[in-house]
Amino acid sequence: MTALLDTRTPATTARMTIPPAAPVTAKGWHDDPWHHHELRYHDGAGWTGHVTHFGPVPCAGCRGSAR
């Protein structure tokens, strides 16, 4: 975590921290984060209900390569 000096209050030298950035997941088939299925599709905004046990499969709105 990175600490920064708050220059708005120089008399108190208050310190602020910046939270780490959340990981970004690209659109496509990835290992199922819940380990219930082999692969799960991420649409770039969140995990979908599209899952497979036999490699990536075509589905409406699903594009991208496995892993």
C-alpha atoms as a PDB file:
ATOM      1  CA  MET A   1       0.000   0.000   0.000  1.00  0.00           C
ATOM      2  CA  THR A   2       1.323   3.476  -0.819  1.00  0.00           C
ATOM      3  CA  ALA A   3       1.245   6.242   1.779  1.00  0.00           C
ATOM      4  CA  LEU A   4       1.048   9.882   0.707  1.00  0.00           C
ATOM      5  CA  LEU A   5       1.549  13.072   2.655  1.00  0.00           C
ATOM      6  CA  ASP A   6      -1.616  15.162   2.784  1.00  0.00           C
ATOM      7  CA  THR A   7      -0.367  18.593   1.685  1.00  0.00           C
ATOM      8  CA  ARG A   8      -3.711  20.232   2.477  1.00  0.00           C
ATOM      9  CA  THR A   9      -2.948  20.098   6.194  1.00  0.00           C
ATOM     10  CA  PRO A  10       0.807  20.717   6.530  1.00  0.00           C
ATOM     11  CA  ALA A  11       0.591  21.532  10.260  1.00  0.00           C
ATOM     12  CA  THR A  12      -0.792  18.112  11.162  1.00  0.00           C
ATOM     13  CA  THR A  13       1.133  16.100   8.541  1.00  0.00           C
ATOM     14  CA  ALA A  14      -1.836  13.782   8.172  1.00  0.00           C
ATOM     15  CA  ARG A  15      -1.176  10.708   6.051  1.00  0.00           C
ATOM     16  CA  MET A  16      -3.509   9.178   3.512  1.00  0.00           C
ATOM     17  CA  THR A  17      -3.370   5.743   1.963  1.00  0.00           C
ATOM     18  CA  ILE A  18      -4.457   4.652  -1.484  1.00  0.00           C
ATOM     19  CA  PRO A  19      -6.160   1.244  -1.629  1.00  0.00           C
ATOM     20  CA  PRO A  20      -4.715  -1.236  -4.123  1.00  0.00           C
ATOM     21  CA  ALA A  21      -6.455  -1.343  -7.485  1.00  0.00           C
ATOM     22  CA  ALA A  22      -8.878  -4.205  -8.072  1.00  0.00           C
ATOM     23  CA  PRO A  23      -7.685  -6.742 -10.619  1.00  0.00           C
ATOM     24  CA  VAL A  24      -9.174  -6.346 -14.081  1.00  0.00           C
ATOM     25  CA  THR A  25     -10.539  -9.451 -15.788  1.00  0.00           C
ATOM     26  CA  ALA A  26     -10.693  -9.437 -19.581  1.00  0.00           C
ATOM     27  CA  LYS A  27     -13.694 -10.700 -21.523  1.00  0.00           C
ATOM     28  CA  GLY A  28     -13.423 -14.370 -22.263  1.00  0.00           C
ATOM     29  CA  TRP A  29     -13.306 -17.870 -20.820  1.00  0.00           C
ATOM     30  CA  HIS A  30     -11.333 -18.261 -17.588  1.00  0.00           C
ATOM     31  CA  ASP A  31     -10.906 -20.860 -14.869  1.00  0.00           C
ATOM     32  CA  ASP A  32     -14.069 -20.855 -12.748  1.00  0.00           C
ATOM     33  CA  PRO A  33     -13.194 -18.765  -9.665  1.00  0.00           C
ATOM     34  CA  TRP A  34     -15.626 -20.866  -7.573  1.00  0.00           C
ATOM     35  CA  HIS A  35     -14.142 -24.158  -8.866  1.00  0.00           C
ATOM     36  CA  HIS A  36     -17.602 -25.580  -9.637  1.00  0.00           C
ATOM     37  CA  HIS A  37     -16.915 -25.868 -13.376  1.00  0.00           C
ATOM     38  CA  GLU A  38     -13.868 -26.044 -15.618  1.00  0.00           C
ATOM     39  CA  LEU A  39     -14.392 -22.612 -17.222  1.00  0.00           C
ATOM     40  CA  ARG A  40     -16.705 -19.643 -16.648  1.00  0.00           C
ATOM     41  CA  TYR A  41     -17.256 -16.683 -19.003  1.00  0.00           C
ATOM     42  CA  HIS A  42     -16.431 -13.142 -17.860  1.00  0.00           C
ATOM     43  CA  ASP A  43     -18.139 -10.420 -19.917  1.00  0.00           C
ATOM     44  CA  GLY A  44     -15.704  -7.692 -18.870  1.00  0.00           C
ATOM     45  CA  ALA A  45     -18.015  -6.442 -16.123  1.00  0.00           C
ATOM     46  CA  GLY A  46     -18.679  -9.612 -14.159  1.00  0.00           C
ATOM     47  CA  TRP A  47     -18.875 -13.386 -14.153  1.00  0.00           C
ATOM     48  CA  THR A  48     -21.788 -14.826 -16.121  1.00  0.00           C
ATOM     49  CA  GLY A  49     -23.760 -18.041 -15.776  1.00  0.00           C
ATOM     50  CA  HIS A  50     -22.093 -19.451 -18.908  1.00  0.00           C
ATOM     51  CA  VAL A  51     -19.962 -22.400 -17.794  1.00  0.00           C
ATOM     52  CA  THR A  52     -18.400 -25.474 -19.383  1.00  0.00           C
ATOM     53  CA  HIS A  53     -16.542 -28.634 -18.475  1.00  0.00           C
ATOM     54  CA  PHE A  54     -15.366 -29.317 -22.036  1.00  0.00           C
ATOM     55  CA  GLY A  55     -13.379 -26.218 -23.015  1.00  0.00           C
ATOM     56  CA  PRO A  56     -14.825 -22.961 -24.358  1.00  0.00           C
ATOM     57  CA  VAL A  57     -18.130 -23.247 -26.187  1.00  0.00           C
ATOM     58  CA  PRO A  58     -20.081 -20.709 -28.225  1.00  0.00           C
ATOM     59  CA  CYS A  59     -22.830 -18.850 -26.376  1.00  0.00           C
ATOM     60  CA  ALA A  60     -24.877 -15.742 -27.129  1.00  0.00           C
ATOM     61  CA  GLY A  61     -22.689 -12.735 -26.363  1.00  0.00           C
ATOM     62  CA  CYS A  62     -19.635 -14.850 -25.430  1.00  0.00           C
ATOM     63  CA  ARG A  63     -16.550 -14.117 -27.440  1.00  0.00           C
ATOM     64  CA  GLY A  64     -12.926 -14.721 -26.689  1.00  0.00           C
ATOM     65  CA  SER A  65     -10.469 -17.523 -26.307  1.00  0.00           C
ATOM     66  CA  ALA A  66     -10.095 -19.821 -23.364  1.00  0.00           C
ATOM     67  CA  ARG A  67      -7.954 -18.624 -20.502  1.00  0.00           C
END
